Amino acid sequence: MELAYAVTSALQTRGGLRPVLAPYSTGRGTFTCRHGGYAVAVFPFIGDATPFDVGLSDEGLAQAATLVAAVHRSSPALTGL
């Protein structure tokens, strides 16, 4: 899970993909901590409705496709992970 969260963080910070949601890092520089036998990660709160709630417009679908394409072009941002 740490690697997956490190990837989302790198896409956001190194790759400049602000729409990618990444968890906050801990004081130790990791993205999870253990609590009661579980791995816990903390993400920013997003209070808006999701596409699951309201559907996805043609414009929203185009924006999602653009983001997916940007993720696929961003492998240089993942160097060293």
PDB file of N, CA and C in Angstrom:
ATOM      1  N   MET A   1       0.820  -1.177   0.000  1.00  0.00           N
ATOM      2  CA  MET A   1       0.000   0.000   0.000  1.00  0.00           C
ATOM      3  C   MET A   1       0.871   1.251   0.000  1.00  0.00           C
ATOM      4  N   GLU A   2       2.002   1.216   0.704  1.00  0.00           N
ATOM      5  CA  GLU A   2       2.902   2.373   0.732  1.00  0.00           C
ATOM      6  C   GLU A   2       3.330   2.771  -0.681  1.00  0.00           C
ATOM      7  N   LEU A   3       3.671   1.783  -1.500  1.00  0.00           N
ATOM      8  CA  LEU A   3       4.113   2.097  -2.861  1.00  0.00           C
ATOM      9  C   LEU A   3       2.990   2.734  -3.669  1.00  0.00           C
ATOM     10  N   ALA A   4       1.789   2.218  -3.548  1.00  0.00           N
ATOM     11  CA  ALA A   4       0.655   2.802  -4.277  1.00  0.00           C
ATOM     12  C   ALA A   4       0.439   4.250  -3.854  1.00  0.00           C
ATOM     13  N   TYR A   5       0.543   4.528  -2.570  1.00  0.00           N
ATOM     14  CA  TYR A   5       0.363   5.893  -2.096  1.00  0.00           C
ATOM     15  C   TYR A   5       1.540   6.773  -2.503  1.00  0.00           C
ATOM     16  N   ALA A   6       2.747   6.208  -2.531  1.00  0.00           N
ATOM     17  CA  ALA A   6       3.908   6.971  -2.999  1.00  0.00           C
ATOM     18  C   ALA A   6       3.738   7.348  -4.470  1.00  0.00           C
ATOM     19  N   VAL A   7       3.161   6.450  -5.254  1.00  0.00           N
ATOM     20  CA  VAL A   7       2.904   6.738  -6.668  1.00  0.00           C
ATOM     21  C   VAL A   7       1.910   7.885  -6.796  1.00  0.00           C
ATOM     22  N   THR A   8       0.813   7.848  -6.050  1.00  0.00           N
ATOM     23  CA  THR A   8      -0.168   8.936  -6.163  1.00  0.00           C
ATOM     24  C   THR A   8       0.436  10.263  -5.711  1.00  0.00           C
ATOM     25  N   SER A   9       1.260  10.230  -4.679  1.00  0.00           N
ATOM     26  CA  SER A   9       1.908  11.451  -4.213  1.00  0.00           C
ATOM     27  C   SER A   9       2.870  11.994  -5.267  1.00  0.00           C
ATOM     28  N   ALA A  10       3.651  11.109  -5.884  1.00  0.00           N
ATOM     29  CA  ALA A  10       4.591  11.543  -6.923  1.00  0.00           C
ATOM     30  C   ALA A  10       3.856  12.094  -8.140  1.00  0.00           C
ATOM     31  N   LEU A  11       2.758  11.466  -8.517  1.00  0.00           N
ATOM     32  CA  LEU A  11       1.979  11.987  -9.643  1.00  0.00           C
ATOM     33  C   LEU A  11       1.487  13.398  -9.341  1.00  0.00           C
ATOM     34  N   GLN A  12       1.098  13.628  -8.101  1.00  0.00           N
ATOM     35  CA  GLN A  12       0.578  14.937  -7.711  1.00  0.00           C
ATOM     36  C   GLN A  12       1.699  15.967  -7.579  1.00  0.00           C
ATOM     37  N   THR A  13       2.776  15.620  -6.880  1.00  0.00           N
ATOM     38  CA  THR A  13       3.816  16.608  -6.581  1.00  0.00           C
ATOM     39  C   THR A  13       4.857  16.725  -7.685  1.00  0.00           C
ATOM     40  N   ARG A  14       5.416  15.624  -8.135  1.00  0.00           N
ATOM     41  CA  ARG A  14       6.443  15.669  -9.184  1.00  0.00           C
ATOM     42  C   ARG A  14       5.848  15.792 -10.573  1.00  0.00           C
ATOM     43  N   GLY A  15       4.711  15.144 -10.784  1.00  0.00           N
ATOM     44  CA  GLY A  15       4.094  15.135 -12.105  1.00  0.00           C
ATOM     45  C   GLY A  15       3.153  16.296 -12.355  1.00  0.00           C
ATOM     46  N   GLY A  16       2.844  17.061 -11.306  1.00  0.00           N
ATOM     47  CA  GLY A  16       1.973  18.217 -11.459  1.00  0.00           C
ATOM     48  C   GLY A  16       0.515  17.882 -11.714  1.00  0.00           C
ATOM     49  N   LEU A  17       0.104  16.668 -11.389  1.00  0.00           N
ATOM     50  CA  LEU A  17      -1.283  16.251 -11.621  1.00  0.00           C
ATOM     51  C   LEU A  17      -2.107  16.519 -10.362  1.00  0.00           C
ATOM     52  N   ARG A  18      -2.518  17.757 -10.186  1.00  0.00           N
ATOM     53  CA  ARG A  18      -3.247  18.169  -8.991  1.00  0.00           C
ATOM     54  C   ARG A  18      -4.549  17.397  -8.762  1.00  0.00           C
ATOM     55  N   PRO A  19      -5.259  16.952  -9.802  1.00  0.00           N
ATOM     56  CA  PRO A  19      -6.496  16.208  -9.539  1.00  0.00           C
ATOM     57  C   PRO A  19      -6.274  14.819  -8.925  1.00  0.00           C
ATOM     58  N   VAL A  20      -5.034  14.317  -8.950  1.00  0.00           N
ATOM     59  CA  VAL A  20      -4.756  13.005  -8.354  1.00  0.00           C
ATOM     60  C   VAL A  20      -4.800  13.166  -6.835  1.00  0.00           C
ATOM     61  N   LEU A  21      -5.608  12.364  -6.183  1.00  0.00           N
ATOM     62  CA  LEU A  21      -5.763  12.452  -4.735  1.00  0.00           C
ATOM     63  C   LEU A  21      -4.727  11.566  -4.056  1.00  0.00           C
ATOM     64  N   ALA A  22      -3.893  12.179  -3.236  1.00  0.00           N
ATOM     65  CA  ALA A  22      -2.853  11.448  -2.514  1.00  0.00           C
ATOM     66  C   ALA A  22      -3.059  11.653  -1.017  1.00  0.00           C
ATOM     67  N   PRO A  23      -2.687  10.653  -0.206  1.00  0.00           N
ATOM     68  CA  PRO A  23      -2.815  10.817   1.240  1.00  0.00           C
ATOM     69  C   PRO A  23      -1.743  11.766   1.776  1.00  0.00           C
ATOM     70  N   TYR A  24      -1.991  12.291   2.962  1.00  0.00           N
ATOM     71  CA  TYR A  24      -0.973  13.079   3.651  1.00  0.00           C
ATOM     72  C   TYR A  24       0.145  12.140   4.084  1.00  0.00           C
ATOM     73  N   SER A  25       1.373  12.651   4.108  1.00  0.00           N
ATOM     74  CA  SER A  25       2.468  11.832   4.627  1.00  0.00           C
ATOM     75  C   SER A  25       2.566  12.039   6.137  1.00  0.00           C
ATOM     76  N   THR A  26       3.105  11.039   6.792  1.00  0.00           N
ATOM     77  CA  THR A  26       3.292  11.105   8.242  1.00  0.00           C
ATOM     78  C   THR A  26       4.565  11.889   8.544  1.00  0.00           C
ATOM     79  N   GLY A  27       4.812  12.134   9.797  1.00  0.00           N
ATOM     80  CA  GLY A  27       6.050  12.790  10.211  1.00  0.00           C
ATOM     81  C   GLY A  27       7.285  11.973   9.881  1.00  0.00           C
ATOM     82  N   ARG A  28       7.096  10.675   9.679  1.00  0.00           N
ATOM     83  CA  ARG A  28       8.211   9.788   9.320  1.00  0.00           C
ATOM     84  C   ARG A  28       8.406   9.691   7.816  1.00  0.00           C
ATOM     85  N   GLY A  29       7.539  10.369   7.048  1.00  0.00           N
ATOM     86  CA  GLY A  29       7.673  10.339   5.596  1.00  0.00           C
ATOM     87  C   GLY A  29       6.962   9.179   4.927  1.00  0.00           C
ATOM     88  N   THR A  30       6.201   8.412   5.681  1.00  0.00           N
ATOM     89  CA  THR A  30       5.417   7.325   5.102  1.00  0.00           C
ATOM     90  C   THR A  30       3.983   7.815   4.900  1.00  0.00           C
ATOM     91  N   PHE A  31       3.166   6.993   4.295  1.00  0.00           N
ATOM     92  CA  PHE A  31       1.783   7.392   4.042  1.00  0.00           C
ATOM     93  C   PHE A  31       0.781   6.630   4.900  1.00  0.00           C
ATOM     94  N   THR A  32       1.246   5.629   5.622  1.00  0.00           N
ATOM     95  CA  THR A  32       0.368   4.869   6.507  1.00  0.00           C
ATOM     96  C   THR A  32       1.008   4.750   7.882  1.00  0.00           C
ATOM     97  N   CYS A  33       0.163   4.485   8.855  1.00  0.00           N
ATOM     98  CA  CYS A  33       0.644   4.115  10.180  1.00  0.00           C
ATOM     99  C   CYS A  33      -0.228   2.962  10.656  1.00  0.00           C
ATOM    100  N   ARG A  34       0.254   2.237  11.617  1.00  0.00           N
ATOM    101  CA  ARG A  34      -0.485   1.091  12.147  1.00  0.00           C
ATOM    102  C   ARG A  34      -1.329   1.544  13.328  1.00  0.00           C
ATOM    103  N   HIS A  35      -2.558   1.055  13.366  1.00  0.00           N
ATOM    104  CA  HIS A  35      -3.440   1.335  14.502  1.00  0.00           C
ATOM    105  C   HIS A  35      -4.370   0.146  14.677  1.00  0.00           C
ATOM    106  N   GLY A  36      -4.267  -0.506  15.806  1.00  0.00           N
ATOM    107  CA  GLY A  36      -5.138  -1.637  16.103  1.00  0.00           C
ATOM    108  C   GLY A  36      -5.041  -2.759  15.081  1.00  0.00           C
ATOM    109  N   GLY A  37      -3.854  -2.977  14.542  1.00  0.00           N
ATOM    110  CA  GLY A  37      -3.670  -4.043  13.562  1.00  0.00           C
ATOM    111  C   GLY A  37      -4.039  -3.653  12.140  1.00  0.00           C
ATOM    112  N   TYR A  38      -4.412  -2.404  11.920  1.00  0.00           N
ATOM    113  CA  TYR A  38      -4.787  -1.929  10.587  1.00  0.00           C
ATOM    114  C   TYR A  38      -3.783  -0.900  10.091  1.00  0.00           C
ATOM    115  N   ALA A  39      -3.621  -0.837   8.790  1.00  0.00           N
ATOM    116  CA  ALA A  39      -2.857   0.246   8.174  1.00  0.00           C
ATOM    117  C   ALA A  39      -3.833   1.391   7.919  1.00  0.00           C
ATOM    118  N   VAL A  40      -3.481   2.577   8.391  1.00  0.00           N
ATOM    119  CA  VAL A  40      -4.363   3.738   8.288  1.00  0.00           C
ATOM    120  C   VAL A  40      -3.679   4.819   7.461  1.00  0.00           C
ATOM    121  N   ALA A  41      -4.409   5.404   6.529  1.00  0.00           N
ATOM    122  CA  ALA A  41      -3.929   6.542   5.748  1.00  0.00           C
ATOM    123  C   ALA A  41      -4.962   7.655   5.858  1.00  0.00           C
ATOM    124  N   VAL A  42      -4.493   8.891   5.850  1.00  0.00           N
ATOM    125  CA  VAL A  42      -5.389  10.046   5.965  1.00  0.00           C
ATOM    126  C   VAL A  42      -5.329  10.843   4.667  1.00  0.00           C
ATOM    127  N   PHE A  43      -6.507  11.084   4.102  1.00  0.00           N
ATOM    128  CA  PHE A  43      -6.637  11.817   2.845  1.00  0.00           C
ATOM    129  C   PHE A  43      -7.316  13.154   3.089  1.00  0.00           C
ATOM    130  N   PRO A  44      -7.071  14.131   2.216  1.00  0.00           N
ATOM    131  CA  PRO A  44      -7.808  15.393   2.322  1.00  0.00           C
ATOM    132  C   PRO A  44      -9.307  15.142   2.174  1.00  0.00           C
ATOM    133  N   PHE A  45     -10.098  15.926   2.891  1.00  0.00           N
ATOM    134  CA  PHE A  45     -11.549  15.813   2.783  1.00  0.00           C
ATOM    135  C   PHE A  45     -12.011  16.549   1.535  1.00  0.00           C
ATOM    136  N   ILE A  46     -12.828  15.894   0.748  1.00  0.00           N
ATOM    137  CA  ILE A  46     -13.418  16.513  -0.434  1.00  0.00           C
ATOM    138  C   ILE A  46     -14.924  16.442  -0.246  1.00  0.00           C
ATOM    139  N   GLY A  47     -15.548  17.591  -0.082  1.00  0.00           N
ATOM    140  CA  GLY A  47     -16.963  17.620   0.253  1.00  0.00           C
ATOM    141  C   GLY A  47     -17.907  17.710  -0.924  1.00  0.00           C
ATOM    142  N   ASP A  48     -17.384  17.740  -2.133  1.00  0.00           N
ATOM    143  CA  ASP A  48     -18.254  17.861  -3.304  1.00  0.00           C
ATOM    144  C   ASP A  48     -18.926  16.531  -3.634  1.00  0.00           C
ATOM    145  N   ALA A  49     -19.966  16.608  -4.437  1.00  0.00           N
ATOM    146  CA  ALA A  49     -20.633  15.398  -4.937  1.00  0.00           C
ATOM    147  C   ALA A  49     -19.690  14.674  -5.894  1.00  0.00           C
ATOM    148  N   THR A  50     -19.809  13.373  -5.939  1.00  0.00           N
ATOM    149  CA  THR A  50     -18.974  12.575  -6.832  1.00  0.00           C
ATOM    150  C   THR A  50     -19.748  12.235  -8.103  1.00  0.00           C
ATOM    151  N   PRO A  51     -19.050  11.780  -9.141  1.00  0.00           N
ATOM    152  CA  PRO A  51     -19.759  11.337 -10.346  1.00  0.00           C
ATOM    153  C   PRO A  51     -20.741  10.202 -10.058  1.00  0.00           C
ATOM    154  N   PHE A  52     -20.480   9.434  -9.011  1.00  0.00           N
ATOM    155  CA  PHE A  52     -21.408   8.364  -8.649  1.00  0.00           C
ATOM    156  C   PHE A  52     -22.727   8.939  -8.136  1.00  0.00           C
ATOM    157  N   ASP A  53     -22.656  10.140  -7.557  1.00  0.00           N
ATOM    158  CA  ASP A  53     -23.857  10.789  -7.029  1.00  0.00           C
ATOM    159  C   ASP A  53     -24.669  11.490  -8.116  1.00  0.00           C
ATOM    160  N   VAL A  54     -23.980  12.172  -9.018  1.00  0.00           N
ATOM    161  CA  VAL A  54     -24.665  13.064  -9.965  1.00  0.00           C
ATOM    162  C   VAL A  54     -24.485  12.678 -11.431  1.00  0.00           C
ATOM    163  N   GLY A  55     -23.723  11.649 -11.696  1.00  0.00           N
ATOM    164  CA  GLY A  55     -23.450  11.285 -13.086  1.00  0.00           C
ATOM    165  C   GLY A  55     -22.282  12.083 -13.636  1.00  0.00           C
ATOM    166  N   LEU A  56     -21.846  11.739 -14.819  1.00  0.00           N
ATOM    167  CA  LEU A  56     -20.689  12.372 -15.436  1.00  0.00           C
ATOM    168  C   LEU A  56     -21.118  13.000 -16.752  1.00  0.00           C
ATOM    169  N   SER A  57     -20.935  14.308 -16.865  1.00  0.00           N
ATOM    170  CA  SER A  57     -21.291  15.016 -18.095  1.00  0.00           C
ATOM    171  C   SER A  57     -20.264  14.696 -19.178  1.00  0.00           C
ATOM    172  N   ASP A  58     -20.560  15.086 -20.400  1.00  0.00           N
ATOM    173  CA  ASP A  58     -19.598  14.896 -21.487  1.00  0.00           C
ATOM    174  C   ASP A  58     -18.301  15.640 -21.190  1.00  0.00           C
ATOM    175  N   GLU A  59     -18.413  16.848 -20.642  1.00  0.00           N
ATOM    176  CA  GLU A  59     -17.228  17.625 -20.283  1.00  0.00           C
ATOM    177  C   GLU A  59     -16.437  16.926 -19.178  1.00  0.00           C
ATOM    178  N   GLY A  60     -17.136  16.408 -18.177  1.00  0.00           N
ATOM    179  CA  GLY A  60     -16.473  15.678 -17.103  1.00  0.00           C
ATOM    180  C   GLY A  60     -15.782  14.425 -17.605  1.00  0.00           C
ATOM    181  N   LEU A  61     -16.417  13.734 -18.534  1.00  0.00           N
ATOM    182  CA  LEU A  61     -15.812  12.547 -19.130  1.00  0.00           C
ATOM    183  C   LEU A  61     -14.560  12.923 -19.907  1.00  0.00           C
ATOM    184  N   ALA A  62     -14.602  14.027 -20.636  1.00  0.00           N
ATOM    185  CA  ALA A  62     -13.428  14.496 -21.381  1.00  0.00           C
ATOM    186  C   ALA A  62     -12.297  14.866 -20.424  1.00  0.00           C
ATOM    187  N   GLN A  63     -12.622  15.502 -19.301  1.00  0.00           N
ATOM    188  CA  GLN A  63     -11.607  15.845 -18.304  1.00  0.00           C
ATOM    189  C   GLN A  63     -10.990  14.590 -17.695  1.00  0.00           C
ATOM    190  N   ALA A  64     -11.813  13.594 -17.422  1.00  0.00           N
ATOM    191  CA  ALA A  64     -11.305  12.332 -16.879  1.00  0.00           C
ATOM    192  C   ALA A  64     -10.381  11.650 -17.879  1.00  0.00           C
ATOM    193  N   ALA A  65     -10.754  11.653 -19.149  1.00  0.00           N
ATOM    194  CA  ALA A  65      -9.911  11.045 -20.187  1.00  0.00           C
ATOM    195  C   ALA A  65      -8.583  11.783 -20.301  1.00  0.00           C
ATOM    196  N   THR A  66      -8.614  13.106 -20.194  1.00  0.00           N
ATOM    197  CA  THR A  66      -7.386  13.899 -20.240  1.00  0.00           C
ATOM    198  C   THR A  66      -6.483  13.558 -19.061  1.00  0.00           C
ATOM    199  N   LEU A  67      -7.067  13.387 -17.877  1.00  0.00           N
ATOM    200  CA  LEU A  67      -6.290  13.024 -16.697  1.00  0.00           C
ATOM    201  C   LEU A  67      -5.673  11.638 -16.851  1.00  0.00           C
ATOM    202  N   VAL A  68      -6.434  10.677 -17.345  1.00  0.00           N
ATOM    203  CA  VAL A  68      -5.903   9.322 -17.555  1.00  0.00           C
ATOM    204  C   VAL A  68      -4.737   9.367 -18.539  1.00  0.00           C
ATOM    205  N   ALA A  69      -4.863  10.135 -19.608  1.00  0.00           N
ATOM    206  CA  ALA A  69      -3.773  10.268 -20.580  1.00  0.00           C
ATOM    207  C   ALA A  69      -2.541  10.893 -19.921  1.00  0.00           C
ATOM    208  N   ALA A  70      -2.742  11.900 -19.080  1.00  0.00           N
ATOM    209  CA  ALA A  70      -1.623  12.541 -18.389  1.00  0.00           C
ATOM    210  C   ALA A  70      -0.933  11.570 -17.440  1.00  0.00           C
ATOM    211  N   VAL A  71      -1.702  10.739 -16.759  1.00  0.00           N
ATOM    212  CA  VAL A  71      -1.115   9.726 -15.876  1.00  0.00           C
ATOM    213  C   VAL A  71      -0.226   8.787 -16.686  1.00  0.00           C
ATOM    214  N   HIS A  72      -0.676   8.386 -17.848  1.00  0.00           N
ATOM    215  CA  HIS A  72       0.101   7.470 -18.680  1.00  0.00           C
ATOM    216  C   HIS A  72       1.365   8.112 -19.234  1.00  0.00           C
ATOM    217  N   ARG A  73       1.398   9.424 -19.350  1.00  0.00           N
ATOM    218  CA  ARG A  73       2.591  10.123 -19.832  1.00  0.00           C
ATOM    219  C   ARG A  73       3.541  10.494 -18.700  1.00  0.00           C
ATOM    220  N   SER A  74       3.183  10.244 -17.474  1.00  0.00           N
ATOM    221  CA  SER A  74       3.926  10.776 -16.337  1.00  0.00           C
ATOM    222  C   SER A  74       4.939   9.817 -15.738  1.00  0.00           C
ATOM    223  N   SER A  75       5.315   8.774 -16.419  1.00  0.00           N
ATOM    224  CA  SER A  75       6.248   7.810 -15.834  1.00  0.00           C
ATOM    225  C   SER A  75       7.571   8.438 -15.394  1.00  0.00           C
ATOM    226  N   PRO A  76       8.093   9.512 -16.037  1.00  0.00           N
ATOM    227  CA  PRO A  76       9.319  10.117 -15.505  1.00  0.00           C
ATOM    228  C   PRO A  76       9.170  10.624 -14.067  1.00  0.00           C
ATOM    229  N   ALA A  77       7.977  11.016 -13.673  1.00  0.00           N
ATOM    230  CA  ALA A  77       7.746  11.494 -12.302  1.00  0.00           C
ATOM    231  C   ALA A  77       7.865  10.369 -11.283  1.00  0.00           C
ATOM    232  N   LEU A  78       7.840   9.130 -11.750  1.00  0.00           N
ATOM    233  CA  LEU A  78       7.867   7.984 -10.841  1.00  0.00           C
ATOM    234  C   LEU A  78       9.258   7.390 -10.689  1.00  0.00           C
ATOM    235  N   THR A  79      10.245   7.979 -11.333  1.00  0.00           N
ATOM    236  CA  THR A  79      11.613   7.481 -11.248  1.00  0.00           C
ATOM    237  C   THR A  79      12.078   7.476  -9.796  1.00  0.00           C
ATOM    238  N   GLY A  80      12.642   6.377  -9.378  1.00  0.00           N
ATOM    239  CA  GLY A  80      13.188   6.266  -8.038  1.00  0.00           C
ATOM    240  C   GLY A  80      12.245   5.700  -6.995  1.00  0.00           C
ATOM    241  N   LEU A  81      11.035   5.386  -7.381  1.00  0.00           N
ATOM    242  CA  LEU A  81      10.096   4.822  -6.395  1.00  0.00           C
ATOM    243  C   LEU A  81      10.296   3.335  -6.249  1.00  0.00           C
TER     244      LEU A  81
END
